């Protein structure tokens, strides 16, 4: 029973993530697409690494794009943290007394 609940929750989370990415695409936010693709790449590479035949490891021809996409995750996270801090009135460019932005 617990396995079924876990699968159901995972499916719901996947559906919600897909909806959020779809909405971000509609807004023109390409970072969401990059994150989604990078996440899929990382999961696929993890499955390769767990295979029984670990002597052979195939990388996609576009491995450099994978590295760039994974590196982009850090940029997405950094942007999200800065936006969250800015909305709270804190962070690197503001304070709780009104805040300011660079070059203003």
PDB file of N, CA and C in Angstrom:
ATOM      1  N   UNK A   1       0.820  -1.201   0.000  1.00  0.00           N
ATOM      2  CA  UNK A   1       0.000   0.000   0.000  1.00  0.00           C
ATOM      3  C   UNK A   1       0.861   1.260   0.000  1.00  0.00           C
ATOM      4  N   UNK A   2       1.927   1.238   0.811  1.00  0.00           N
ATOM      5  CA  UNK A   2       2.811   2.409   0.873  1.00  0.00           C
ATOM      6  C   UNK A   2       3.525   2.639  -0.448  1.00  0.00           C
ATOM      7  N   UNK A   3       3.879   1.552  -1.133  1.00  0.00           N
ATOM      8  CA  UNK A   3       4.523   1.701  -2.434  1.00  0.00           C
ATOM      9  C   UNK A   3       3.592   2.393  -3.417  1.00  0.00           C
ATOM     10  N   UNK A   4       2.318   2.020  -3.374  1.00  0.00           N
ATOM     11  CA  UNK A   4       1.341   2.644  -4.265  1.00  0.00           C
ATOM     12  C   UNK A   4       1.189   4.126  -3.944  1.00  0.00           C
ATOM     13  N   UNK A   5       1.151   4.460  -2.658  1.00  0.00           N
ATOM     14  CA  UNK A   5       1.059   5.871  -2.263  1.00  0.00           C
ATOM     15  C   UNK A   5       2.288   6.645  -2.718  1.00  0.00           C
ATOM     16  N   UNK A   6       3.451   6.043  -2.566  1.00  0.00           N
ATOM     17  CA  UNK A   6       4.692   6.707  -2.972  1.00  0.00           C
ATOM     18  C   UNK A   6       4.702   6.957  -4.478  1.00  0.00           C
ATOM     19  N   UNK A   7       4.264   5.962  -5.258  1.00  0.00           N
ATOM     20  CA  UNK A   7       4.202   6.138  -6.713  1.00  0.00           C
ATOM     21  C   UNK A   7       3.205   7.222  -7.085  1.00  0.00           C
ATOM     22  N   UNK A   8       2.077   7.260  -6.367  1.00  0.00           N
ATOM     23  CA  UNK A   8       1.064   8.280  -6.639  1.00  0.00           C
ATOM     24  C   UNK A   8       1.606   9.676  -6.335  1.00  0.00           C
ATOM     25  N   UNK A   9       2.281   9.827  -5.213  1.00  0.00           N
ATOM     26  CA  UNK A   9       2.854  11.131  -4.851  1.00  0.00           C
ATOM     27  C   UNK A   9       3.923  11.554  -5.847  1.00  0.00           C
ATOM     28  N   UNK A  10       4.727  10.595  -6.279  1.00  0.00           N
ATOM     29  CA  UNK A  10       5.764  10.907  -7.258  1.00  0.00           C
ATOM     30  C   UNK A  10       5.138  11.360  -8.577  1.00  0.00           C
ATOM     31  N   UNK A  11       4.070  10.684  -8.991  1.00  0.00           N
ATOM     32  CA  UNK A  11       3.378  11.068 -10.224  1.00  0.00           C
ATOM     33  C   UNK A  11       2.761  12.453 -10.092  1.00  0.00           C
ATOM     34  N   UNK A  12       2.186  12.755  -8.931  1.00  0.00           N
ATOM     35  CA  UNK A  12       1.607  14.082  -8.706  1.00  0.00           C
ATOM     36  C   UNK A  12       2.685  15.157  -8.737  1.00  0.00           C
ATOM     37  N   UNK A  13       3.828  14.871  -8.133  1.00  0.00           N
ATOM     38  CA  UNK A  13       4.929  15.837  -8.134  1.00  0.00           C
ATOM     39  C   UNK A  13       5.448  16.061  -9.549  1.00  0.00           C
ATOM     40  N   UNK A  14       5.561  14.990 -10.312  1.00  0.00           N
ATOM     41  CA  UNK A  14       6.011  15.096 -11.699  1.00  0.00           C
ATOM     42  C   UNK A  14       5.027  15.928 -12.520  1.00  0.00           C
ATOM     43  N   UNK A  15       3.735  15.690 -12.319  1.00  0.00           N
ATOM     44  CA  UNK A  15       2.712  16.451 -13.038  1.00  0.00           C
ATOM     45  C   UNK A  15       2.779  17.929 -12.669  1.00  0.00           C
ATOM     46  N   UNK A  16       2.966  18.214 -11.392  1.00  0.00           N
ATOM     47  CA  UNK A  16       3.060  19.611 -10.950  1.00  0.00           C
ATOM     48  C   UNK A  16       4.298  20.280 -11.541  1.00  0.00           C
ATOM     49  N   UNK A  17       5.421  19.568 -11.552  1.00  0.00           N
ATOM     50  CA  UNK A  17       6.649  20.123 -12.129  1.00  0.00           C
ATOM     51  C   UNK A  17       6.467  20.407 -13.612  1.00  0.00           C
ATOM     52  N   UNK A  18       5.826  19.486 -14.311  1.00  0.00           N
ATOM     53  CA  UNK A  18       5.580  19.679 -15.735  1.00  0.00           C
ATOM     54  C   UNK A  18       4.681  20.885 -15.970  1.00  0.00           C
ATOM     55  N   UNK A  19       3.657  21.047 -15.141  1.00  0.00           N
ATOM     56  CA  UNK A  19       2.767  22.205 -15.254  1.00  0.00           C
ATOM     57  C   UNK A  19       3.534  23.498 -15.021  1.00  0.00           C
ATOM     58  N   UNK A  20       4.382  23.507 -14.000  1.00  0.00           N
ATOM     59  CA  UNK A  20       5.153  24.712 -13.699  1.00  0.00           C
ATOM     60  C   UNK A  20       6.101  25.063 -14.842  1.00  0.00           C
ATOM     61  N   UNK A  21       6.728  24.052 -15.433  1.00  0.00           N
ATOM     62  CA  UNK A  21       7.624  24.302 -16.563  1.00  0.00           C
ATOM     63  C   UNK A  21       6.826  24.815 -17.753  1.00  0.00           C
ATOM     64  N   UNK A  22       5.654  24.230 -17.998  1.00  0.00           N
ATOM     65  CA  UNK A  22       4.803  24.688 -19.102  1.00  0.00           C
ATOM     66  C   UNK A  22       4.413  26.147 -18.930  1.00  0.00           C
ATOM     67  N   UNK A  23       4.064  26.526 -17.712  1.00  0.00           N
ATOM     68  CA  UNK A  23       3.703  27.919 -17.440  1.00  0.00           C
ATOM     69  C   UNK A  23       4.903  28.840 -17.630  1.00  0.00           C
ATOM     70  N   UNK A  24       6.076  28.386 -17.212  1.00  0.00           N
ATOM     71  CA  UNK A  24       7.285  29.193 -17.386  1.00  0.00           C
ATOM     72  C   UNK A  24       7.606  29.369 -18.867  1.00  0.00           C
ATOM     73  N   UNK A  25       7.417  28.310 -19.652  1.00  0.00           N
ATOM     74  CA  UNK A  25       7.644  28.401 -21.093  1.00  0.00           C
ATOM     75  C   UNK A  25       6.684  29.411 -21.705  1.00  0.00           C
ATOM     76  N   UNK A  26       5.430  29.368 -21.276  1.00  0.00           N
ATOM     77  CA  UNK A  26       4.431  30.306 -21.792  1.00  0.00           C
ATOM     78  C   UNK A  26       4.821  31.751 -21.484  1.00  0.00           C
ATOM     79  N   UNK A  27       5.502  31.958 -20.345  1.00  0.00           N
ATOM     80  CA  UNK A  27       5.963  33.304 -19.979  1.00  0.00           C
ATOM     81  C   UNK A  27       7.267  33.661 -20.683  1.00  0.00           C
ATOM     82  N   UNK A  28       7.854  32.703 -21.386  1.00  0.00           N
ATOM     83  CA  UNK A  28       9.102  32.948 -22.093  1.00  0.00           C
ATOM     84  C   UNK A  28      10.341  32.732 -21.246  1.00  0.00           C
ATOM     85  N   UNK A  29      10.229  32.012 -20.150  1.00  0.00           N
ATOM     86  CA  UNK A  29      11.357  31.759 -19.255  1.00  0.00           C
ATOM     87  C   UNK A  29      12.102  30.506 -19.701  1.00  0.00           C
ATOM     88  N   UNK A  30      13.202  30.684 -20.439  1.00  0.00           N
ATOM     89  CA  UNK A  30      13.945  29.536 -20.955  1.00  0.00           C
ATOM     90  C   UNK A  30      14.735  28.827 -19.862  1.00  0.00           C
ATOM     91  N   UNK A  31      14.989  29.476 -18.742  1.00  0.00           N
ATOM     92  CA  UNK A  31      15.713  28.816 -17.654  1.00  0.00           C
ATOM     93  C   UNK A  31      14.969  27.587 -17.156  1.00  0.00           C
ATOM     94  N   UNK A  32      13.657  27.644 -17.134  1.00  0.00           N
ATOM     95  CA  UNK A  32      12.865  26.500 -16.683  1.00  0.00           C
ATOM     96  C   UNK A  32      13.061  25.315 -17.620  1.00  0.00           C
ATOM     97  N   UNK A  33      13.107  25.586 -18.908  1.00  0.00           N
ATOM     98  CA  UNK A  33      13.322  24.520 -19.880  1.00  0.00           C
ATOM     99  C   UNK A  33      14.716  23.928 -19.692  1.00  0.00           C
ATOM    100  N   UNK A  34      15.711  24.790 -19.541  1.00  0.00           N
ATOM    101  CA  UNK A  34      17.080  24.309 -19.342  1.00  0.00           C
ATOM    102  C   UNK A  34      17.180  23.439 -18.100  1.00  0.00           C
ATOM    103  N   UNK A  35      16.520  23.844 -17.035  1.00  0.00           N
ATOM    104  CA  UNK A  35      16.544  23.071 -15.795  1.00  0.00           C
ATOM    105  C   UNK A  35      15.907  21.702 -16.007  1.00  0.00           C
ATOM    106  N   UNK A  36      14.748  21.682 -16.665  1.00  0.00           N
ATOM    107  CA  UNK A  36      14.018  20.439 -16.893  1.00  0.00           C
ATOM    108  C   UNK A  36      14.854  19.469 -17.735  1.00  0.00           C
ATOM    109  N   UNK A  37      15.487  19.981 -18.787  1.00  0.00           N
ATOM    110  CA  UNK A  37      16.317  19.145 -19.653  1.00  0.00           C
ATOM    111  C   UNK A  37      17.542  18.644 -18.894  1.00  0.00           C
ATOM    112  N   UNK A  38      18.189  19.536 -18.139  1.00  0.00           N
ATOM    113  CA  UNK A  38      19.370  19.134 -17.371  1.00  0.00           C
ATOM    114  C   UNK A  38      19.015  18.061 -16.351  1.00  0.00           C
ATOM    115  N   UNK A  39      17.868  18.206 -15.721  1.00  0.00           N
ATOM    116  CA  UNK A  39      17.436  17.212 -14.736  1.00  0.00           C
ATOM    117  C   UNK A  39      17.248  15.849 -15.405  1.00  0.00           C
ATOM    118  N   UNK A  40      16.663  15.845 -16.581  1.00  0.00           N
ATOM    119  CA  UNK A  40      16.468  14.584 -17.306  1.00  0.00           C
ATOM    120  C   UNK A  40      17.805  13.956 -17.686  1.00  0.00           C
ATOM    121  N   UNK A  41      18.744  14.784 -18.126  1.00  0.00           N
ATOM    122  CA  UNK A  41      20.079  14.283 -18.458  1.00  0.00           C
ATOM    123  C   UNK A  41      20.747  13.652 -17.243  1.00  0.00           C
ATOM    124  N   UNK A  42      20.693  14.337 -16.121  1.00  0.00           N
ATOM    125  CA  UNK A  42      21.342  13.831 -14.911  1.00  0.00           C
ATOM    126  C   UNK A  42      20.721  12.502 -14.488  1.00  0.00           C
ATOM    127  N   UNK A  43      19.400  12.399 -14.554  1.00  0.00           N
ATOM    128  CA  UNK A  43      18.735  11.139 -14.206  1.00  0.00           C
ATOM    129  C   UNK A  43      19.160  10.018 -15.151  1.00  0.00           C
ATOM    130  N   UNK A  44      19.228  10.327 -16.446  1.00  0.00           N
ATOM    131  CA  UNK A  44      19.622   9.311 -17.424  1.00  0.00           C
ATOM    132  C   UNK A  44      21.063   8.867 -17.194  1.00  0.00           C
ATOM    133  N   UNK A  45      21.953   9.812 -16.926  1.00  0.00           N
ATOM    134  CA  UNK A  45      23.345   9.447 -16.674  1.00  0.00           C
ATOM    135  C   UNK A  45      23.477   8.617 -15.401  1.00  0.00           C
ATOM    136  N   UNK A  46      22.644   8.908 -14.407  1.00  0.00           N
ATOM    137  CA  UNK A  46      22.645   8.106 -13.182  1.00  0.00           C
ATOM    138  C   UNK A  46      22.256   6.670 -13.461  1.00  0.00           C
ATOM    139  N   UNK A  47      21.300   6.476 -14.360  1.00  0.00           N
ATOM    140  CA  UNK A  47      20.893   5.113 -14.726  1.00  0.00           C
ATOM    141  C   UNK A  47      22.012   4.391 -15.472  1.00  0.00           C
ATOM    142  N   UNK A  48      22.729   5.131 -16.322  1.00  0.00           N
ATOM    143  CA  UNK A  48      23.880   4.528 -16.996  1.00  0.00           C
ATOM    144  C   UNK A  48      24.910   4.064 -15.972  1.00  0.00           C
ATOM    145  N   UNK A  49      25.182   4.900 -15.004  1.00  0.00           N
ATOM    146  CA  UNK A  49      26.202   4.588 -14.000  1.00  0.00           C
ATOM    147  C   UNK A  49      25.806   3.386 -13.148  1.00  0.00           C
ATOM    148  N   UNK A  50      24.521   3.174 -12.949  1.00  0.00           N
ATOM    149  CA  UNK A  50      24.051   2.053 -12.135  1.00  0.00           C
ATOM    150  C   UNK A  50      23.938   0.745 -12.910  1.00  0.00           C
ATOM    151  N   UNK A  51      24.238   0.775 -14.198  1.00  0.00           N
ATOM    152  CA  UNK A  51      24.076  -0.433 -15.001  1.00  0.00           C
ATOM    153  C   UNK A  51      25.070  -1.512 -14.581  1.00  0.00           C
ATOM    154  N   UNK A  52      24.720  -2.754 -14.892  1.00  0.00           N
ATOM    155  CA  UNK A  52      25.573  -3.887 -14.524  1.00  0.00           C
ATOM    156  C   UNK A  52      26.885  -3.873 -15.301  1.00  0.00           C
ATOM    157  N   UNK A  53      26.851  -3.375 -16.516  1.00  0.00           N
ATOM    158  CA  UNK A  53      28.047  -3.307 -17.349  1.00  0.00           C
ATOM    159  C   UNK A  53      28.701  -1.941 -17.150  1.00  0.00           C
ATOM    160  N   UNK A  54      29.423  -1.797 -16.066  1.00  0.00           N
ATOM    161  CA  UNK A  54      30.006  -0.502 -15.728  1.00  0.00           C
ATOM    162  C   UNK A  54      31.352  -0.256 -16.403  1.00  0.00           C
ATOM    163  N   UNK A  55      31.814  -1.199 -17.204  1.00  0.00           N
ATOM    164  CA  UNK A  55      33.076  -0.990 -17.906  1.00  0.00           C
ATOM    165  C   UNK A  55      32.897  -0.056 -19.094  1.00  0.00           C
ATOM    166  N   UNK A  56      31.718  -0.002 -19.621  1.00  0.00           N
ATOM    167  CA  UNK A  56      31.434   0.836 -20.774  1.00  0.00           C
ATOM    168  C   UNK A  56      30.447   1.911 -20.376  1.00  0.00           C
ATOM    169  N   UNK A  57      30.788   3.115 -20.737  1.00  0.00           N
ATOM    170  CA  UNK A  57      29.917   4.241 -20.390  1.00  0.00           C
ATOM    171  C   UNK A  57      29.777   5.115 -21.622  1.00  0.00           C
ATOM    172  N   UNK A  58      28.568   5.285 -22.102  1.00  0.00           N
ATOM    173  CA  UNK A  58      28.318   6.087 -23.290  1.00  0.00           C
ATOM    174  C   UNK A  58      27.828   7.464 -22.878  1.00  0.00           C
ATOM    175  N   UNK A  59      28.406   8.466 -23.493  1.00  0.00           N
ATOM    176  CA  UNK A  59      27.934   9.833 -23.285  1.00  0.00           C
ATOM    177  C   UNK A  59      27.293  10.307 -24.576  1.00  0.00           C
ATOM    178  N   UNK A  60      26.284  11.137 -24.473  1.00  0.00           N
ATOM    179  CA  UNK A  60      25.692  11.674 -25.696  1.00  0.00           C
ATOM    180  C   UNK A  60      26.712  12.532 -26.441  1.00  0.00           C
ATOM    181  N   UNK A  61      26.536  12.643 -27.740  1.00  0.00           N
ATOM    182  CA  UNK A  61      27.445  13.469 -28.531  1.00  0.00           C
ATOM    183  C   UNK A  61      27.469  14.909 -28.038  1.00  0.00           C
ATOM    184  N   UNK A  62      26.383  15.328 -27.477  1.00  0.00           N
ATOM    185  CA  UNK A  62      26.295  16.704 -27.002  1.00  0.00           C
ATOM    186  C   UNK A  62      26.644  16.802 -25.519  1.00  0.00           C
ATOM    187  N   UNK A  63      27.648  16.069 -25.089  1.00  0.00           N
ATOM    188  CA  UNK A  63      28.027  16.065 -23.668  1.00  0.00           C
ATOM    189  C   UNK A  63      28.404  17.459 -23.189  1.00  0.00           C
ATOM    190  N   UNK A  64      28.970  18.260 -24.075  1.00  0.00           N
ATOM    191  CA  UNK A  64      29.323  19.620 -23.659  1.00  0.00           C
ATOM    192  C   UNK A  64      28.073  20.431 -23.351  1.00  0.00           C
ATOM    193  N   UNK A  65      26.987  20.184 -24.097  1.00  0.00           N
ATOM    194  CA  UNK A  65      25.746  20.895 -23.764  1.00  0.00           C
ATOM    195  C   UNK A  65      25.204  20.440 -22.433  1.00  0.00           C
ATOM    196  N   UNK A  66      25.399  19.152 -22.124  1.00  0.00           N
ATOM    197  CA  UNK A  66      24.962  18.643 -20.823  1.00  0.00           C
ATOM    198  C   UNK A  66      25.693  19.370 -19.704  1.00  0.00           C
ATOM    199  N   UNK A  67      26.992  19.501 -19.849  1.00  0.00           N
ATOM    200  CA  UNK A  67      27.771  20.192 -18.823  1.00  0.00           C
ATOM    201  C   UNK A  67      27.289  21.630 -18.690  1.00  0.00           C
ATOM    202  N   UNK A  68      27.018  22.274 -19.812  1.00  0.00           N
ATOM    203  CA  UNK A  68      26.505  23.642 -19.769  1.00  0.00           C
ATOM    204  C   UNK A  68      25.138  23.711 -19.113  1.00  0.00           C
ATOM    205  N   UNK A  69      24.291  22.726 -19.398  1.00  0.00           N
ATOM    206  CA  UNK A  69      22.949  22.718 -18.806  1.00  0.00           C
ATOM    207  C   UNK A  69      23.016  22.497 -17.309  1.00  0.00           C
ATOM    208  N   UNK A  70      23.874  21.580 -16.879  1.00  0.00           N
ATOM    209  CA  UNK A  70      24.019  21.329 -15.447  1.00  0.00           C
ATOM    210  C   UNK A  70      24.590  22.563 -14.761  1.00  0.00           C
ATOM    211  N   UNK A  71      25.548  23.210 -15.409  1.00  0.00           N
ATOM    212  CA  UNK A  71      26.097  24.448 -14.858  1.00  0.00           C
ATOM    213  C   UNK A  71      25.041  25.532 -14.775  1.00  0.00           C
ATOM    214  N   UNK A  72      24.088  25.501 -15.686  1.00  0.00           N
ATOM    215  CA  UNK A  72      23.011  26.485 -15.670  1.00  0.00           C
ATOM    216  C   UNK A  72      22.091  26.337 -14.477  1.00  0.00           C
ATOM    217  N   UNK A  73      22.042  25.150 -13.888  1.00  0.00           N
ATOM    218  CA  UNK A  73      21.199  24.938 -12.712  1.00  0.00           C
ATOM    219  C   UNK A  73      21.654  25.844 -11.579  1.00  0.00           C
ATOM    220  N   UNK A  74      22.964  25.978 -11.413  1.00  0.00           N
ATOM    221  CA  UNK A  74      23.483  26.856 -10.354  1.00  0.00           C
ATOM    222  C   UNK A  74      23.051  28.296 -10.598  1.00  0.00           C
ATOM    223  N   UNK A  75      23.077  28.714 -11.850  1.00  0.00           N
ATOM    224  CA  UNK A  75      22.658  30.080 -12.179  1.00  0.00           C
ATOM    225  C   UNK A  75      21.172  30.278 -11.893  1.00  0.00           C
ATOM    226  N   UNK A  76      20.362  29.294 -12.228  1.00  0.00           N
ATOM    227  CA  UNK A  76      18.924  29.377 -11.960  1.00  0.00           C
ATOM    228  C   UNK A  76      18.678  29.478 -10.462  1.00  0.00           C
ATOM    229  N   UNK A  77      19.370  28.645  -9.692  1.00  0.00           N
ATOM    230  CA  UNK A  77      19.203  28.669  -8.237  1.00  0.00           C
ATOM    231  C   UNK A  77      19.644  30.009  -7.663  1.00  0.00           C
ATOM    232  N   UNK A  78      20.751  30.539  -8.161  1.00  0.00           N
ATOM    233  CA  UNK A  78      21.252  31.830  -7.682  1.00  0.00           C
ATOM    234  C   UNK A  78      20.234  32.938  -7.978  1.00  0.00           C
ATOM    235  N   UNK A  79      19.688  32.939  -9.193  1.00  0.00           N
ATOM    236  CA  UNK A  79      18.675  33.939  -9.549  1.00  0.00           C
ATOM    237  C   UNK A  79      17.451  33.825  -8.653  1.00  0.00           C
ATOM    238  N   UNK A  80      17.015  32.592  -8.399  1.00  0.00           N
ATOM    239  CA  UNK A  80      15.834  32.387  -7.553  1.00  0.00           C
ATOM    240  C   UNK A  80      16.088  32.886  -6.139  1.00  0.00           C
ATOM    241  N   UNK A  81      17.273  32.617  -5.608  1.00  0.00           N
ATOM    242  CA  UNK A  81      17.599  33.068  -4.250  1.00  0.00           C
ATOM    243  C   UNK A  81      17.650  34.590  -4.184  1.00  0.00           C
ATOM    244  N   UNK A  82      18.211  35.224  -5.213  1.00  0.00           N
ATOM    245  CA  UNK A  82      18.281  36.685  -5.226  1.00  0.00           C
ATOM    246  C   UNK A  82      16.888  37.290  -5.305  1.00  0.00           C
ATOM    247  N   UNK A  83      16.014  36.689  -6.108  1.00  0.00           N
ATOM    248  CA  UNK A  83      14.641  37.191  -6.204  1.00  0.00           C
ATOM    249  C   UNK A  83      13.920  37.025  -4.880  1.00  0.00           C
ATOM    250  N   UNK A  84      14.143  35.897  -4.221  1.00  0.00           N
ATOM    251  CA  UNK A  84      13.494  35.658  -2.933  1.00  0.00           C
ATOM    252  C   UNK A  84      13.985  36.651  -1.893  1.00  0.00           C
ATOM    253  N   UNK A  85      15.278  36.879  -1.851  1.00  0.00           N
ATOM    254  CA  UNK A  85      15.837  37.839  -0.894  1.00  0.00           C
ATOM    255  C   UNK A  85      15.336  39.249  -1.195  1.00  0.00           C
ATOM    256  N   UNK A  86      15.260  39.598  -2.473  1.00  0.00           N
ATOM    257  CA  UNK A  86      14.789  40.931  -2.846  1.00  0.00           C
ATOM    258  C   UNK A  86      13.331  41.118  -2.451  1.00  0.00           C
ATOM    259  N   UNK A  87      12.526  40.059  -2.579  1.00  0.00           N
ATOM    260  CA  UNK A  87      11.113  40.182  -2.216  1.00  0.00           C
ATOM    261  C   UNK A  87      10.932  40.320  -0.714  1.00  0.00           C
ATOM    262  N   UNK A  88      11.908  39.850   0.043  1.00  0.00           N
ATOM    263  CA  UNK A  88      11.863  39.984   1.500  1.00  0.00           C
ATOM    264  C   UNK A  88      12.440  41.326   1.957  1.00  0.00           C
ATOM    265  N   UNK A  89      13.030  42.067   1.029  1.00  0.00           N
ATOM    266  CA  UNK A  89      13.621  43.347   1.393  1.00  0.00           C
ATOM    267  C   UNK A  89      15.053  43.221   1.847  1.00  0.00           C
ATOM    268  N   UNK A  90      15.637  42.066   1.716  1.00  0.00           N
ATOM    269  CA  UNK A  90      17.021  41.870   2.135  1.00  0.00           C
ATOM    270  C   UNK A  90      17.865  41.478   0.956  1.00  0.00           C
ATOM    271  N   UNK A  91      18.908  40.775   1.208  1.00  0.00           N
ATOM    272  CA  UNK A  91      19.759  40.295   0.145  1.00  0.00           C
ATOM    273  C   UNK A  91      20.891  41.245  -0.152  1.00  0.00           C
ATOM    274  N   UNK A  92      21.596  40.981  -1.232  1.00  0.00           N
ATOM    275  CA  UNK A  92      22.805  41.737  -1.522  1.00  0.00           C
ATOM    276  C   UNK A  92      22.570  43.181  -1.929  1.00  0.00           C
ATOM    277  N   UNK A  93      21.334  43.543  -2.383  1.00  0.00           N
ATOM    278  CA  UNK A  93      21.118  44.893  -2.873  1.00  0.00           C
ATOM    279  C   UNK A  93      20.110  45.682  -2.078  1.00  0.00           C
ATOM    280  N   UNK A  94      19.695  45.167  -0.999  1.00  0.00           N
ATOM    281  CA  UNK A  94      18.678  45.903  -0.267  1.00  0.00           C
ATOM    282  C   UNK A  94      18.713  45.574   1.196  1.00  0.00           C
ATOM    283  N   UNK A  95      17.849  46.270   1.929  1.00  0.00           N
ATOM    284  CA  UNK A  95      17.711  45.976   3.342  1.00  0.00           C
ATOM    285  C   UNK A  95      16.248  46.081   3.707  1.00  0.00           C
ATOM    286  N   UNK A  96      15.923  45.772   4.910  1.00  0.00           N
ATOM    287  CA  UNK A  96      14.526  45.741   5.318  1.00  0.00           C
ATOM    288  C   UNK A  96      13.933  47.131   5.483  1.00  0.00           C
ATOM    289  N   UNK A  97      14.743  48.176   5.370  1.00  0.00           N
ATOM    290  CA  UNK A  97      14.244  49.539   5.539  1.00  0.00           C
ATOM    291  C   UNK A  97      13.913  50.195   4.215  1.00  0.00           C
ATOM    292  N   UNK A  98      13.719  49.452   3.195  1.00  0.00           N
ATOM    293  CA  UNK A  98      13.343  50.046   1.921  1.00  0.00           C
ATOM    294  C   UNK A  98      14.177  49.510   0.788  1.00  0.00           C
ATOM    295  N   UNK A  99      15.427  49.177   1.050  1.00  0.00           N
ATOM    296  CA  UNK A  99      16.267  48.544   0.051  1.00  0.00           C
ATOM    297  C   UNK A  99      16.684  49.477  -1.054  1.00  0.00           C
ATOM    298  N   UNK A 100      17.584  49.010  -1.853  1.00  0.00           N
ATOM    299  CA  UNK A 100      18.039  49.751  -3.010  1.00  0.00           C
ATOM    300  C   UNK A 100      18.520  48.750  -4.028  1.00  0.00           C
ATOM    301  N   UNK A 101      18.718  49.216  -5.243  1.00  0.00           N
ATOM    302  CA  UNK A 101      19.226  48.355  -6.286  1.00  0.00           C
ATOM    303  C   UNK A 101      20.525  48.936  -6.793  1.00  0.00           C
ATOM    304  N   UNK A 102      21.382  48.117  -7.385  1.00  0.00           N
ATOM    305  CA  UNK A 102      22.639  48.643  -7.900  1.00  0.00           C
ATOM    306  C   UNK A 102      22.384  49.686  -8.978  1.00  0.00           C
ATOM    307  N   UNK A 103      23.243  50.644  -9.083  1.00  0.00           N
ATOM    308  CA  UNK A 103      23.184  51.699 -10.103  1.00  0.00           C
ATOM    309  C   UNK A 103      21.930  52.540 -10.009  1.00  0.00           C
ATOM    310  N   UNK A 104      21.344  52.672  -8.854  1.00  0.00           N
ATOM    311  CA  UNK A 104      20.168  53.531  -8.753  1.00  0.00           C
ATOM    312  C   UNK A 104      20.311  54.492  -7.613  1.00  0.00           C
TER     313      UNK A 104
END
